[in-house]
Amino acid sequence: MTARFPDFRLGKVLATSFTATLTERCGDAVERIPVPQRLADWLAVNGLAVESCTSAQLELARELREAMHAALTAAAVQDALPVSAVRVINERSIQGRAAAVLTPESGREWRLDPASCVEDALGVIAADAIGIIAGERDGKLALCASPTCRAAFFDTSQSRTRKWCDMNTCGNRQKKARFNAGRRQGQAPAR
């Protein structure tokens, strides 16, 4: 029997999808990469396949994830970036080896060498976070309105007014809670 792990929360932005491998940070935290193989699975799903992953590499990945979360959160609320987080992000970015390639659809895709390792994939993820924090992409950093989540996400909607990191999870949960609270009070639910 194989172990059952929580599903990944996949998004269109690599850096914030990576920080979402730990969710519900302000509630009952859910670790979505609890073992090295699960990190390898996440990397493969995101186009950064590697041969294998060790426990030490998983720890490097988690250190990067937490540094990115701290830096993205600070940037979203326009606070100074934590020095230690910047150091970790920069170290991972410098240590990685990957190439940007142009897709036939005029997009950019990262390509790892077949002999690439987890550190190379982490370099790509760190570079994506740097691009977002440095303001090189069209969008706005924001924090999820869910009090148990508070994940940083990159809002690319036209109005830049998204409230939830993921409407299918945090947004629906909050709307359901408001609906149920209104029913308990005998009122029509707020929309």
Protein backbone atom coordinates (compact mmCIF):
# COMPACT_ATOMS: atom_id res chain seq x y z
CA MET A 1 0.00 0.00 0.00
CA THR A 2 1.38 3.42 -0.94
CA ALA A 3 1.23 6.41 1.36
CA ARG A 4 -1.45 8.99 0.60
CA PHE A 5 -0.20 12.55 0.62
CA PRO A 6 -2.17 15.79 0.40
CA ASP A 7 -2.71 17.02 -3.16
CA PHE A 8 -0.50 19.77 -4.47
CA ARG A 9 -1.93 23.25 -4.88
CA LEU A 10 -0.77 24.09 -8.35
CA GLY A 11 -0.91 27.59 -9.74
CA LYS A 12 0.43 29.50 -12.69
CA VAL A 13 3.24 31.14 -10.70
CA LEU A 14 6.12 28.83 -9.81
CA ALA A 15 7.35 30.73 -6.73
CA THR A 16 3.98 31.01 -5.00
CA SER A 17 3.03 27.46 -5.97
CA PHE A 18 6.21 26.33 -4.25
CA THR A 19 5.43 28.25 -1.06
CA ALA A 20 2.00 26.57 -1.19
CA THR A 21 3.66 23.22 -0.46
CA LEU A 22 2.99 24.22 3.16
CA THR A 23 -0.58 25.46 3.56
CA GLU A 24 -2.78 26.65 6.39
CA ARG A 25 0.27 28.23 8.04
CA CYS A 26 -1.89 30.08 10.59
CA GLY A 27 -4.10 27.10 11.38
CA ASP A 28 -3.47 23.36 11.22
CA ALA A 29 -0.51 23.42 8.83
CA VAL A 30 -0.54 20.92 5.97
CA GLU A 31 2.88 19.77 4.69
CA ARG A 32 2.52 18.75 1.05
CA ILE A 33 6.16 17.63 0.57
CA PRO A 34 6.70 15.49 3.70
CA VAL A 35 9.24 13.13 2.12
CA PRO A 36 12.01 13.54 -0.49
CA GLN A 37 10.12 11.65 -3.20
CA ARG A 38 7.17 14.00 -2.82
CA LEU A 39 9.47 16.96 -3.57
CA ALA A 40 10.71 15.14 -6.68
CA ASP A 41 7.04 14.62 -7.66
CA TRP A 42 6.26 18.34 -7.19
CA LEU A 43 9.29 19.34 -9.25
CA ALA A 44 8.27 16.96 -12.07
CA VAL A 45 4.71 18.30 -12.14
CA ASN A 46 6.17 21.79 -12.50
CA GLY A 47 8.51 20.94 -15.38
CA LEU A 48 11.65 20.63 -13.24
CA ALA A 49 12.10 16.85 -13.15
CA VAL A 50 15.13 15.48 -11.35
CA GLU A 51 16.38 11.90 -10.99
CA SER A 52 16.14 11.74 -7.21
CA CYS A 53 15.95 13.72 -4.00
CA THR A 54 17.67 13.17 -0.66
CA SER A 55 16.57 14.17 2.82
CA ALA A 56 19.27 16.87 2.84
CA GLN A 57 17.93 18.28 -0.44
CA LEU A 58 14.40 18.26 0.97
CA GLU A 59 15.69 20.35 3.90
CA LEU A 60 17.32 22.80 1.45
CA ALA A 61 14.00 23.05 -0.37
CA ARG A 62 12.07 23.71 2.82
CA GLU A 63 14.61 26.35 3.87
CA LEU A 64 14.13 28.05 0.49
CA ARG A 65 10.35 27.75 0.75
CA GLU A 66 10.29 29.43 4.16
CA ALA A 67 12.70 32.16 3.04
CA MET A 68 10.54 32.82 -0.01
CA HIS A 69 7.39 32.90 2.10
CA ALA A 70 8.96 35.46 4.44
CA ALA A 71 10.23 37.63 1.58
CA LEU A 72 7.02 37.41 -0.47
CA THR A 73 4.92 38.23 2.61
CA ALA A 74 7.13 41.23 3.43
CA ALA A 75 6.97 42.45 -0.17
CA ALA A 76 3.17 42.03 -0.25
CA VAL A 77 2.74 44.32 2.77
CA GLN A 78 5.59 46.60 1.65
CA ASP A 79 7.84 45.81 4.61
CA ALA A 80 11.61 45.49 4.45
CA LEU A 81 12.72 42.10 3.20
CA PRO A 82 14.21 39.89 5.93
CA VAL A 83 17.99 39.82 5.43
CA SER A 84 18.23 36.10 6.20
CA ALA A 85 15.50 35.31 3.65
CA VAL A 86 17.24 37.35 0.95
CA ARG A 87 20.49 35.50 1.68
CA VAL A 88 18.88 32.06 1.31
CA ILE A 89 17.02 33.01 -1.89
CA ASN A 90 20.17 34.45 -3.45
CA GLU A 91 22.28 31.42 -2.45
CA ARG A 92 19.82 28.99 -4.02
CA SER A 93 19.55 31.11 -7.17
CA ILE A 94 23.32 31.32 -7.61
CA GLN A 95 23.86 27.59 -7.02
CA GLY A 96 21.28 26.47 -9.59
CA ARG A 97 22.08 25.69 -13.20
CA ALA A 98 19.25 25.91 -15.70
CA ALA A 99 18.59 27.54 -19.05
CA ALA A 100 15.66 29.65 -20.14
CA VAL A 101 14.31 28.50 -23.51
CA LEU A 102 11.72 30.06 -25.79
CA THR A 103 8.61 27.99 -26.48
CA PRO A 104 6.84 27.97 -29.89
CA GLU A 105 4.04 29.96 -28.19
CA SER A 106 6.49 32.81 -27.39
CA GLY A 107 6.70 31.83 -23.74
CA ARG A 108 9.68 31.16 -21.52
CA GLU A 109 10.31 27.72 -20.09
CA TRP A 110 13.13 26.55 -17.85
CA ARG A 111 15.17 23.61 -19.03
CA LEU A 112 17.26 21.47 -16.75
CA ASP A 113 20.04 19.26 -18.03
CA PRO A 114 19.19 15.53 -17.79
CA ALA A 115 21.89 15.26 -15.10
CA SER A 116 20.43 18.15 -13.09
CA CYS A 117 19.82 17.83 -9.38
CA VAL A 118 17.39 19.31 -6.88
CA GLU A 119 19.69 22.31 -6.30
CA ASP A 120 19.36 23.23 -9.99
CA ALA A 121 15.57 23.13 -9.77
CA LEU A 122 15.64 25.19 -6.57
CA GLY A 123 17.70 27.78 -8.46
CA VAL A 124 14.87 28.17 -10.97
CA ILE A 125 12.31 28.57 -8.18
CA ALA A 126 14.49 31.14 -6.40
CA ALA A 127 14.97 33.06 -9.66
CA ASP A 128 11.19 33.18 -10.12
CA ALA A 129 10.76 34.62 -6.62
CA ILE A 130 13.43 37.21 -7.34
CA GLY A 131 11.64 38.28 -10.51
CA ILE A 132 8.34 38.69 -8.67
CA ILE A 133 9.78 40.58 -5.70
CA ALA A 134 11.88 42.79 -7.98
CA GLY A 135 8.72 43.81 -9.86
CA GLU A 136 9.76 42.30 -13.18
CA ARG A 137 6.38 40.67 -13.81
CA ASP A 138 3.00 42.19 -14.45
CA GLY A 139 0.90 41.55 -11.37
CA LYS A 140 0.60 42.33 -7.69
CA LEU A 141 1.74 40.40 -4.64
CA ALA A 142 -1.04 39.93 -2.09
CA LEU A 143 -1.85 37.84 0.97
CA CYS A 144 -4.77 35.44 1.14
CA ALA A 145 -7.70 36.86 3.11
CA SER A 146 -8.26 33.53 4.86
CA PRO A 147 -7.21 33.94 8.51
CA THR A 148 -5.81 30.39 8.62
CA CYS A 149 -3.95 30.61 5.32
CA ARG A 150 -2.38 34.05 4.75
CA ALA A 151 -0.37 32.66 1.80
CA ALA A 152 1.36 35.09 -0.50
CA PHE A 153 0.01 34.90 -4.04
CA PHE A 154 0.64 36.78 -7.27
CA ASP A 155 -2.52 38.45 -8.53
CA THR A 156 -2.58 38.78 -12.31
CA SER A 157 -6.31 39.53 -12.56
CA GLN A 158 -7.21 42.62 -14.53
CA SER A 159 -8.40 44.54 -11.46
CA ARG A 160 -5.66 43.21 -9.12
CA THR A 161 -8.28 42.79 -6.36
CA ARG A 162 -8.22 39.03 -5.76
CA LYS A 163 -8.74 38.14 -2.09
CA TRP A 164 -7.88 34.45 -2.00
CA CYS A 165 -4.79 32.47 -2.91
CA ASP A 166 -7.13 29.88 -4.42
CA MET A 167 -10.86 30.37 -4.87
CA ASN A 168 -11.43 26.59 -4.91
CA THR A 169 -10.02 26.17 -1.41
CA CYS A 170 -9.70 29.29 0.73
CA GLY A 171 -12.35 31.31 -1.12
CA ASN A 172 -14.96 28.58 -1.06
CA ARG A 173 -14.22 27.77 2.59
CA GLN A 174 -14.74 31.40 3.61
CA LYS A 175 -17.93 31.76 1.56
CA LYS A 176 -19.29 28.54 3.05
CA ALA A 177 -18.49 29.77 6.59
CA ARG A 178 -20.34 33.06 5.92
CA PHE A 179 -23.30 31.17 4.45
CA ASN A 180 -23.51 28.82 7.45
CA ALA A 181 -23.18 31.71 9.92
CA GLY A 182 -26.06 33.49 8.18
CA ARG A 183 -28.22 30.34 8.30
CA ARG A 184 -27.53 29.90 12.00
CA GLN A 185 -28.65 33.47 12.61
CA GLY A 186 -31.75 32.96 10.46
CA GLN A 187 -30.64 35.54 7.93
CA ALA A 188 -30.22 35.40 4.20
CA PRO A 189 -26.57 34.67 3.38
CA ALA A 190 -24.36 37.62 2.46
CA ARG A 191 -23.09 37.56 -1.09
